Amino acid sequence: MWNSLDGSLFKTSSRRVVGDFVQEVTRSPQRSTLIAIDEFAALKDAKQIIDLLLQARQAKLPLVLSTQLLPQDPDLRSAVLQAGLLIAHRLQAADAEEIAAQFGTRSSWKVTHQIDWETAQTQKGTIRDVDEYVVHPNTLRQLPQGTAAVRSVQTARWGIVEVLQTT
């Protein structure tokens, strides 16, 4: 079913692949099943992933898609960004804004000061409400190796986590 030598992931349609997984899980409910696809954005026909995502959700099968870059196709990009769990390692500038938006914003206060340049004194200022990123794009661009930003839709939780090596 799988052939990685010629760069083509699917010999059969994604519908059949998911159908096979659903049958297997139904026959053996105690057996855990996980679909994992690495570098899916590099597939020649990456639109098959949209169908795979929808079918896996309907069948309640966990699906892991990984890639170094967000896909350029708008439909595929939208489908991928609707994932229930998002794990982002260090990102390029173009993708960091869009991923940061997936983590959302929060209201906070911004303090401003009015400075007299001749005397270098400040006597006036303001406090105003602003929306700021929960995880700023610059944070995503500068994540150190072994660190990831994680967001769960189901629990509405997020965090910056570090993967620890075990000895």
N, C-alpha and C. Protein backbone atom coordinates (compact mmCIF):
# COMPACT_ATOMS: atom_id res chain seq x y z
N MET A 1 0.83 -1.19 0.00
CA MET A 1 0.00 0.00 0.00
C MET A 1 0.87 1.26 0.00
N TRP A 2 1.99 1.24 0.72
CA TRP A 2 2.83 2.42 0.83
C TRP A 2 4.07 2.25 -0.03
N ASN A 3 4.47 3.31 -0.69
CA ASN A 3 5.67 3.27 -1.50
C ASN A 3 6.39 4.58 -1.32
N SER A 4 7.50 4.58 -0.59
CA SER A 4 8.22 5.82 -0.34
C SER A 4 9.40 6.00 -1.28
N LEU A 5 9.72 5.00 -2.10
CA LEU A 5 10.89 5.10 -2.95
C LEU A 5 10.72 6.11 -4.08
N ASP A 6 9.55 6.20 -4.65
CA ASP A 6 9.36 7.13 -5.77
C ASP A 6 8.75 8.45 -5.33
N GLY A 7 8.64 8.71 -4.02
CA GLY A 7 8.12 9.97 -3.52
C GLY A 7 6.61 10.04 -3.50
N SER A 8 5.95 8.99 -3.88
CA SER A 8 4.49 8.96 -3.89
C SER A 8 4.02 8.21 -2.66
N LEU A 9 3.24 8.89 -1.83
CA LEU A 9 2.81 8.26 -0.58
C LEU A 9 1.66 7.30 -0.79
N PHE A 10 0.71 7.68 -1.60
CA PHE A 10 -0.48 6.85 -1.75
C PHE A 10 -0.47 6.13 -3.09
N LYS A 11 -0.61 4.81 -3.03
CA LYS A 11 -0.89 4.05 -4.26
C LYS A 11 -2.39 3.91 -4.41
N THR A 12 -3.07 3.95 -3.29
CA THR A 12 -4.53 3.87 -3.30
C THR A 12 -5.06 5.20 -2.81
N SER A 13 -6.33 5.40 -2.98
CA SER A 13 -6.92 6.67 -2.55
C SER A 13 -6.94 6.74 -1.03
N SER A 14 -6.97 7.97 -0.51
CA SER A 14 -7.03 8.16 0.94
C SER A 14 -8.31 7.58 1.50
N ARG A 15 -9.37 7.58 0.71
CA ARG A 15 -10.64 7.00 1.16
C ARG A 15 -10.46 5.52 1.50
N ARG A 16 -9.75 4.81 0.67
CA ARG A 16 -9.52 3.38 0.92
C ARG A 16 -8.60 3.19 2.12
N VAL A 17 -7.58 4.02 2.24
CA VAL A 17 -6.66 3.92 3.38
C VAL A 17 -7.42 4.09 4.68
N VAL A 18 -8.21 5.15 4.78
CA VAL A 18 -8.98 5.39 6.01
C VAL A 18 -10.00 4.29 6.20
N GLY A 19 -10.64 3.84 5.11
CA GLY A 19 -11.60 2.75 5.22
C GLY A 19 -10.96 1.50 5.81
N ASP A 20 -9.75 1.18 5.36
CA ASP A 20 -9.03 0.03 5.91
C ASP A 20 -8.76 0.21 7.39
N PHE A 21 -8.35 1.42 7.80
CA PHE A 21 -8.10 1.69 9.21
C PHE A 21 -9.37 1.55 10.03
N VAL A 22 -10.48 2.08 9.53
CA VAL A 22 -11.75 2.02 10.26
C VAL A 22 -12.17 0.56 10.44
N GLN A 23 -12.04 -0.25 9.41
CA GLN A 23 -12.38 -1.67 9.53
C GLN A 23 -11.51 -2.36 10.56
N GLU A 24 -10.23 -2.07 10.54
CA GLU A 24 -9.29 -2.68 11.49
C GLU A 24 -9.62 -2.29 12.92
N VAL A 25 -9.91 -1.01 13.14
CA VAL A 25 -10.23 -0.53 14.49
C VAL A 25 -11.55 -1.14 14.96
N THR A 26 -12.52 -1.26 14.07
CA THR A 26 -13.81 -1.84 14.43
C THR A 26 -13.66 -3.31 14.82
N ARG A 27 -12.83 -4.03 14.08
CA ARG A 27 -12.61 -5.44 14.39
C ARG A 27 -11.88 -5.65 15.71
N SER A 28 -11.00 -4.72 16.04
CA SER A 28 -10.15 -4.88 17.21
C SER A 28 -10.14 -3.57 18.01
N PRO A 29 -11.22 -3.28 18.78
CA PRO A 29 -11.34 -1.99 19.45
C PRO A 29 -10.27 -1.73 20.52
N GLN A 30 -9.66 -2.78 21.08
CA GLN A 30 -8.64 -2.56 22.10
C GLN A 30 -7.30 -2.14 21.48
N ARG A 31 -7.18 -2.27 20.18
CA ARG A 31 -5.95 -1.94 19.48
C ARG A 31 -5.94 -0.47 19.12
N SER A 32 -4.91 0.25 19.51
CA SER A 32 -4.81 1.68 19.19
C SER A 32 -4.30 1.86 17.78
N THR A 33 -4.84 2.88 17.11
CA THR A 33 -4.44 3.17 15.73
C THR A 33 -4.11 4.65 15.63
N LEU A 34 -3.00 4.94 14.99
CA LEU A 34 -2.57 6.31 14.76
C LEU A 34 -2.08 6.42 13.33
N ILE A 35 -2.59 7.40 12.61
CA ILE A 35 -2.14 7.66 11.25
C ILE A 35 -1.12 8.79 11.34
N ALA A 36 0.09 8.56 10.84
CA ALA A 36 1.14 9.59 10.87
C ALA A 36 1.70 9.77 9.47
N ILE A 37 1.73 11.03 9.02
CA ILE A 37 2.26 11.36 7.69
C ILE A 37 3.26 12.49 7.85
N ASP A 38 4.51 12.21 7.51
CA ASP A 38 5.56 13.21 7.62
C ASP A 38 5.75 13.90 6.27
N GLU A 39 6.03 15.19 6.31
CA GLU A 39 6.27 15.99 5.09
C GLU A 39 5.12 15.87 4.09
N PHE A 40 3.88 15.93 4.58
CA PHE A 40 2.72 15.78 3.71
C PHE A 40 2.62 16.90 2.69
N ALA A 41 3.14 18.10 3.00
CA ALA A 41 3.03 19.22 2.07
C ALA A 41 3.87 18.99 0.81
N ALA A 42 4.79 18.06 0.87
CA ALA A 42 5.63 17.77 -0.29
C ALA A 42 4.98 16.78 -1.26
N LEU A 43 3.83 16.24 -0.89
CA LEU A 43 3.15 15.30 -1.77
C LEU A 43 2.73 15.98 -3.06
N LYS A 44 2.77 15.23 -4.15
CA LYS A 44 2.38 15.79 -5.44
C LYS A 44 0.90 16.15 -5.46
N ASP A 45 0.07 15.31 -4.85
CA ASP A 45 -1.36 15.58 -4.80
C ASP A 45 -1.78 15.71 -3.33
N ALA A 46 -1.35 16.79 -2.70
CA ALA A 46 -1.59 16.97 -1.27
C ALA A 46 -3.07 17.18 -0.95
N LYS A 47 -3.91 17.44 -1.97
CA LYS A 47 -5.34 17.63 -1.70
C LYS A 47 -5.99 16.35 -1.17
N GLN A 48 -5.36 15.21 -1.39
CA GLN A 48 -5.89 13.97 -0.83
C GLN A 48 -5.90 14.05 0.70
N ILE A 49 -5.02 14.85 1.25
CA ILE A 49 -4.94 14.98 2.71
C ILE A 49 -6.22 15.59 3.27
N ILE A 50 -6.86 16.51 2.53
CA ILE A 50 -8.11 17.11 3.01
C ILE A 50 -9.15 16.03 3.22
N ASP A 51 -9.30 15.14 2.23
CA ASP A 51 -10.25 14.04 2.35
C ASP A 51 -9.86 13.13 3.51
N LEU A 52 -8.57 12.87 3.64
CA LEU A 52 -8.08 12.04 4.74
C LEU A 52 -8.39 12.67 6.10
N LEU A 53 -8.19 13.97 6.21
CA LEU A 53 -8.49 14.68 7.46
C LEU A 53 -9.96 14.54 7.83
N LEU A 54 -10.83 14.77 6.87
CA LEU A 54 -12.27 14.69 7.13
C LEU A 54 -12.69 13.28 7.54
N GLN A 55 -12.19 12.29 6.83
CA GLN A 55 -12.56 10.91 7.13
C GLN A 55 -12.01 10.47 8.48
N ALA A 56 -10.80 10.86 8.79
CA ALA A 56 -10.20 10.49 10.07
C ALA A 56 -10.99 11.12 11.22
N ARG A 57 -11.42 12.37 11.05
CA ARG A 57 -12.23 13.02 12.09
C ARG A 57 -13.55 12.28 12.29
N GLN A 58 -14.21 11.94 11.18
CA GLN A 58 -15.49 11.24 11.27
C GLN A 58 -15.33 9.89 11.96
N ALA A 59 -14.22 9.22 11.70
CA ALA A 59 -13.98 7.90 12.29
C ALA A 59 -13.33 8.01 13.68
N LYS A 60 -13.07 9.24 14.13
CA LYS A 60 -12.42 9.50 15.42
C LYS A 60 -11.06 8.82 15.52
N LEU A 61 -10.33 8.84 14.40
CA LEU A 61 -8.98 8.29 14.37
C LEU A 61 -7.98 9.42 14.57
N PRO A 62 -7.00 9.24 15.44
CA PRO A 62 -5.97 10.26 15.58
C PRO A 62 -5.09 10.30 14.33
N LEU A 63 -4.78 11.51 13.88
CA LEU A 63 -4.00 11.71 12.67
C LEU A 63 -2.92 12.74 12.95
N VAL A 64 -1.69 12.40 12.66
CA VAL A 64 -0.57 13.33 12.84
C VAL A 64 -0.03 13.69 11.47
N LEU A 65 -0.06 14.98 11.16
CA LEU A 65 0.55 15.48 9.93
C LEU A 65 1.73 16.34 10.34
N SER A 66 2.85 16.16 9.69
CA SER A 66 3.99 17.02 10.02
C SER A 66 4.62 17.54 8.74
N THR A 67 5.14 18.74 8.84
CA THR A 67 5.81 19.37 7.71
C THR A 67 6.64 20.52 8.24
N GLN A 68 7.62 20.93 7.47
CA GLN A 68 8.44 22.06 7.88
C GLN A 68 7.85 23.38 7.44
N LEU A 69 6.99 23.35 6.45
CA LEU A 69 6.36 24.57 5.94
C LEU A 69 4.86 24.34 5.81
N LEU A 70 4.08 25.39 6.04
CA LEU A 70 2.65 25.28 5.81
C LEU A 70 2.41 25.14 4.31
N PRO A 71 1.41 24.35 3.93
CA PRO A 71 1.13 24.18 2.50
C PRO A 71 0.67 25.49 1.86
N GLN A 72 0.99 25.66 0.60
CA GLN A 72 0.62 26.88 -0.13
C GLN A 72 -0.83 26.85 -0.59
N ASP A 73 -1.35 25.67 -0.87
CA ASP A 73 -2.73 25.55 -1.34
C ASP A 73 -3.68 26.07 -0.25
N PRO A 74 -4.53 27.07 -0.56
CA PRO A 74 -5.39 27.67 0.47
C PRO A 74 -6.35 26.70 1.14
N ASP A 75 -6.93 25.76 0.37
CA ASP A 75 -7.87 24.80 0.95
C ASP A 75 -7.16 23.86 1.92
N LEU A 76 -6.00 23.37 1.51
CA LEU A 76 -5.23 22.47 2.36
C LEU A 76 -4.72 23.20 3.59
N ARG A 77 -4.27 24.43 3.39
CA ARG A 77 -3.77 25.24 4.51
C ARG A 77 -4.87 25.43 5.56
N SER A 78 -6.07 25.76 5.10
CA SER A 78 -7.20 25.95 6.01
C SER A 78 -7.54 24.67 6.76
N ALA A 79 -7.55 23.55 6.05
CA ALA A 79 -7.88 22.27 6.68
C ALA A 79 -6.85 21.90 7.73
N VAL A 80 -5.60 22.12 7.45
CA VAL A 80 -4.53 21.78 8.39
C VAL A 80 -4.59 22.67 9.63
N LEU A 81 -4.88 23.95 9.44
CA LEU A 81 -4.90 24.88 10.57
C LEU A 81 -6.12 24.69 11.47
N GLN A 82 -7.06 23.85 11.06
CA GLN A 82 -8.22 23.55 11.90
C GLN A 82 -7.98 22.33 12.79
N ALA A 83 -6.75 21.91 12.89
CA ALA A 83 -6.42 20.73 13.70
C ALA A 83 -6.78 20.95 15.15
N GLY A 84 -7.12 19.88 15.83
CA GLY A 84 -7.48 19.95 17.24
C GLY A 84 -6.28 20.17 18.14
N LEU A 85 -5.11 19.75 17.70
CA LEU A 85 -3.88 19.93 18.46
C LEU A 85 -2.82 20.45 17.50
N LEU A 86 -2.23 21.55 17.84
CA LEU A 86 -1.22 22.18 17.00
C LEU A 86 0.09 22.22 17.77
N ILE A 87 1.14 21.67 17.19
CA ILE A 87 2.47 21.70 17.79
C ILE A 87 3.38 22.39 16.79
N ALA A 88 3.97 23.51 17.20
CA ALA A 88 4.82 24.29 16.29
C ALA A 88 6.21 24.43 16.88
N HIS A 89 7.20 24.04 16.11
CA HIS A 89 8.59 24.27 16.48
C HIS A 89 9.01 25.58 15.80
N ARG A 90 10.27 25.93 15.82
CA ARG A 90 10.74 27.18 15.23
C ARG A 90 10.21 27.32 13.81
N LEU A 91 9.66 28.50 13.51
CA LEU A 91 9.01 28.74 12.21
C LEU A 91 9.70 29.83 11.43
N GLN A 92 9.51 29.79 10.13
CA GLN A 92 9.96 30.89 9.29
C GLN A 92 8.99 32.05 9.44
N ALA A 93 9.45 33.24 9.07
CA ALA A 93 8.67 34.46 9.27
C ALA A 93 7.28 34.39 8.65
N ALA A 94 7.19 33.88 7.43
CA ALA A 94 5.90 33.87 6.73
C ALA A 94 4.86 33.02 7.46
N ASP A 95 5.27 31.89 8.03
CA ASP A 95 4.33 31.01 8.71
C ASP A 95 4.07 31.42 10.16
N ALA A 96 4.99 32.14 10.77
CA ALA A 96 4.87 32.49 12.20
C ALA A 96 3.64 33.34 12.47
N GLU A 97 3.34 34.30 11.61
CA GLU A 97 2.15 35.15 11.80
C GLU A 97 0.87 34.32 11.80
N GLU A 98 0.77 33.42 10.83
CA GLU A 98 -0.45 32.63 10.71
C GLU A 98 -0.61 31.64 11.86
N ILE A 99 0.47 31.04 12.29
CA ILE A 99 0.41 30.10 13.42
C ILE A 99 0.11 30.86 14.71
N ALA A 100 0.72 32.03 14.90
CA ALA A 100 0.44 32.84 16.09
C ALA A 100 -1.04 33.21 16.16
N ALA A 101 -1.64 33.47 15.01
CA ALA A 101 -3.07 33.79 14.98
C ALA A 101 -3.90 32.59 15.44
N GLN A 102 -3.43 31.37 15.20
CA GLN A 102 -4.15 30.18 15.65
C GLN A 102 -4.17 30.07 17.17
N PHE A 103 -3.16 30.61 17.83
CA PHE A 103 -3.13 30.60 19.29
C PHE A 103 -4.04 31.68 19.86
N GLY A 104 -4.38 32.67 19.05
CA GLY A 104 -5.33 33.70 19.46
C GLY A 104 -4.67 34.93 20.07
N THR A 105 -5.53 35.83 20.56
CA THR A 105 -5.07 37.07 21.19
C THR A 105 -5.74 37.21 22.55
N ARG A 106 -5.21 38.12 23.32
CA ARG A 106 -5.80 38.43 24.63
C ARG A 106 -5.73 39.94 24.81
N SER A 107 -6.64 40.47 25.61
CA SER A 107 -6.64 41.90 25.90
C SER A 107 -5.62 42.20 26.99
N SER A 108 -4.95 43.31 26.84
CA SER A 108 -4.03 43.76 27.87
C SER A 108 -3.96 45.29 27.81
N TRP A 109 -3.22 45.86 28.73
CA TRP A 109 -3.06 47.32 28.75
C TRP A 109 -1.69 47.70 28.23
N LYS A 110 -1.66 48.78 27.51
CA LYS A 110 -0.40 49.34 27.01
C LYS A 110 -0.24 50.72 27.63
N VAL A 111 0.88 50.94 28.27
CA VAL A 111 1.16 52.23 28.90
C VAL A 111 2.02 53.05 27.93
N THR A 112 1.60 54.28 27.69
CA THR A 112 2.39 55.18 26.84
C THR A 112 2.81 56.39 27.66
N HIS A 113 3.93 56.97 27.29
CA HIS A 113 4.45 58.16 27.97
C HIS A 113 4.69 59.26 26.95
N GLN A 114 4.37 60.46 27.35
CA GLN A 114 4.64 61.61 26.50
C GLN A 114 5.89 62.28 27.08
N ILE A 115 6.93 62.40 26.26
CA ILE A 115 8.22 62.92 26.74
C ILE A 115 8.50 64.27 26.11
N ASP A 116 8.90 65.20 26.93
CA ASP A 116 9.37 66.50 26.46
C ASP A 116 10.84 66.32 26.09
N TRP A 117 11.17 66.42 24.80
CA TRP A 117 12.52 66.14 24.34
C TRP A 117 13.54 67.17 24.81
N GLU A 118 13.08 68.38 25.11
CA GLU A 118 14.03 69.40 25.57
C GLU A 118 14.48 69.14 27.01
N THR A 119 13.55 68.74 27.85
CA THR A 119 13.88 68.52 29.26
C THR A 119 14.03 67.04 29.61
N ALA A 120 13.67 66.17 28.70
CA ALA A 120 13.70 64.72 28.91
C ALA A 120 12.81 64.30 30.08
N GLN A 121 11.80 65.08 30.36
CA GLN A 121 10.85 64.77 31.44
C GLN A 121 9.56 64.22 30.84
N THR A 122 8.93 63.38 31.62
CA THR A 122 7.62 62.88 31.22
C THR A 122 6.62 63.26 32.29
N GLN A 123 5.55 63.87 31.86
CA GLN A 123 4.53 64.26 32.82
C GLN A 123 3.15 63.77 32.43
N LYS A 124 3.04 63.26 31.23
CA LYS A 124 1.75 62.78 30.76
C LYS A 124 1.92 61.38 30.18
N GLY A 125 0.84 60.63 30.25
CA GLY A 125 0.85 59.29 29.69
C GLY A 125 -0.57 58.79 29.56
N THR A 126 -0.70 57.63 28.95
CA THR A 126 -2.02 57.02 28.78
C THR A 126 -1.91 55.52 29.05
N ILE A 127 -3.03 54.96 29.36
CA ILE A 127 -3.17 53.50 29.44
C ILE A 127 -4.31 53.16 28.51
N ARG A 128 -4.07 52.23 27.57
CA ARG A 128 -5.12 51.88 26.63
C ARG A 128 -5.20 50.36 26.48
N ASP A 129 -6.39 49.91 26.12
CA ASP A 129 -6.59 48.49 25.87
C ASP A 129 -6.03 48.13 24.50
N VAL A 130 -5.31 47.01 24.44
CA VAL A 130 -4.80 46.49 23.17
C VAL A 130 -5.00 44.98 23.14
N ASP A 131 -5.07 44.44 21.96
CA ASP A 131 -5.06 42.99 21.78
C ASP A 131 -3.65 42.59 21.40
N GLU A 132 -3.12 41.59 22.10
CA GLU A 132 -1.78 41.11 21.78
C GLU A 132 -1.84 39.60 21.59
N TYR A 133 -0.90 39.07 20.82
CA TYR A 133 -0.86 37.64 20.57
C TYR A 133 -0.64 36.89 21.88
N VAL A 134 -1.30 35.75 22.03
CA VAL A 134 -1.04 34.86 23.16
C VAL A 134 0.39 34.32 23.04
N VAL A 135 0.75 33.86 21.85
CA VAL A 135 2.13 33.48 21.54
C VAL A 135 2.55 34.36 20.37
N HIS A 136 3.47 35.26 20.62
CA HIS A 136 3.88 36.24 19.61
C HIS A 136 4.64 35.56 18.46
N PRO A 137 4.46 36.04 17.23
CA PRO A 137 5.19 35.47 16.10
C PRO A 137 6.71 35.46 16.31
N ASN A 138 7.24 36.48 16.96
CA ASN A 138 8.69 36.49 17.21
C ASN A 138 9.11 35.34 18.12
N THR A 139 8.24 34.98 19.06
CA THR A 139 8.53 33.83 19.93
C THR A 139 8.60 32.57 19.09
N LEU A 140 7.68 32.41 18.14
CA LEU A 140 7.67 31.23 17.28
C LEU A 140 8.90 31.20 16.36
N ARG A 141 9.36 32.34 15.95
CA ARG A 141 10.54 32.41 15.07
C ARG A 141 11.83 32.07 15.83
N GLN A 142 11.82 32.27 17.15
CA GLN A 142 13.06 32.14 17.92
C GLN A 142 13.05 30.97 18.90
N LEU A 143 12.11 30.04 18.74
CA LEU A 143 12.08 28.90 19.65
C LEU A 143 13.39 28.12 19.56
N PRO A 144 14.01 27.83 20.70
CA PRO A 144 15.24 27.04 20.65
C PRO A 144 14.96 25.58 20.28
N GLN A 145 15.99 24.89 19.87
CA GLN A 145 15.86 23.48 19.52
C GLN A 145 15.31 22.71 20.73
N GLY A 146 14.37 21.81 20.46
CA GLY A 146 13.77 21.02 21.53
C GLY A 146 12.62 21.70 22.24
N THR A 147 12.19 22.86 21.74
CA THR A 147 11.10 23.61 22.35
C THR A 147 9.98 23.75 21.32
N ALA A 148 8.74 23.72 21.79
CA ALA A 148 7.59 23.83 20.88
C ALA A 148 6.48 24.62 21.55
N ALA A 149 5.68 25.27 20.72
CA ALA A 149 4.44 25.90 21.18
C ALA A 149 3.33 24.91 20.89
N VAL A 150 2.47 24.66 21.89
CA VAL A 150 1.42 23.66 21.76
C VAL A 150 0.08 24.30 22.08
N ARG A 151 -0.94 24.01 21.24
CA ARG A 151 -2.29 24.53 21.46
C ARG A 151 -3.29 23.41 21.27
N SER A 152 -4.20 23.27 22.23
CA SER A 152 -5.27 22.28 22.15
C SER A 152 -6.60 23.01 22.00
N VAL A 153 -7.35 22.68 20.97
CA VAL A 153 -8.67 23.27 20.78
C VAL A 153 -9.65 22.74 21.82
N GLN A 154 -9.59 21.44 22.07
CA GLN A 154 -10.54 20.80 22.97
C GLN A 154 -10.47 21.35 24.39
N THR A 155 -9.27 21.57 24.90
CA THR A 155 -9.12 22.04 26.28
C THR A 155 -8.92 23.55 26.36
N ALA A 156 -8.76 24.22 25.21
CA ALA A 156 -8.50 25.66 25.15
C ALA A 156 -7.25 26.03 25.97
N ARG A 157 -6.28 25.13 25.97
CA ARG A 157 -5.02 25.39 26.69
C ARG A 157 -3.89 25.52 25.69
N TRP A 158 -2.85 26.22 26.11
CA TRP A 158 -1.67 26.38 25.27
C TRP A 158 -0.45 26.50 26.18
N GLY A 159 0.71 26.32 25.61
CA GLY A 159 1.93 26.48 26.38
C GLY A 159 3.15 26.36 25.51
N ILE A 160 4.27 26.82 26.05
CA ILE A 160 5.57 26.62 25.43
C ILE A 160 6.21 25.47 26.21
N VAL A 161 6.54 24.40 25.53
CA VAL A 161 7.05 23.22 26.21
C VAL A 161 8.44 22.86 25.71
N GLU A 162 9.18 22.20 26.57
CA GLU A 162 10.53 21.74 26.21
C GLU A 162 10.54 20.23 26.27
N VAL A 163 11.08 19.62 25.24
CA VAL A 163 11.20 18.18 25.20
C VAL A 163 12.50 17.82 25.89
N LEU A 164 12.39 17.02 26.94
CA LEU A 164 13.57 16.62 27.71
C LEU A 164 14.10 15.29 27.22
N GLN A 165 15.40 15.18 27.12
CA GLN A 165 16.01 13.92 26.75
C GLN A 165 16.11 13.02 27.98
N THR A 166 15.84 11.77 27.77
CA THR A 166 16.00 10.82 28.86
C THR A 166 17.28 10.03 28.63
N THR A 167 17.89 9.63 29.72
CA THR A 167 19.14 8.86 29.57
C THR A 167 18.94 7.41 29.88
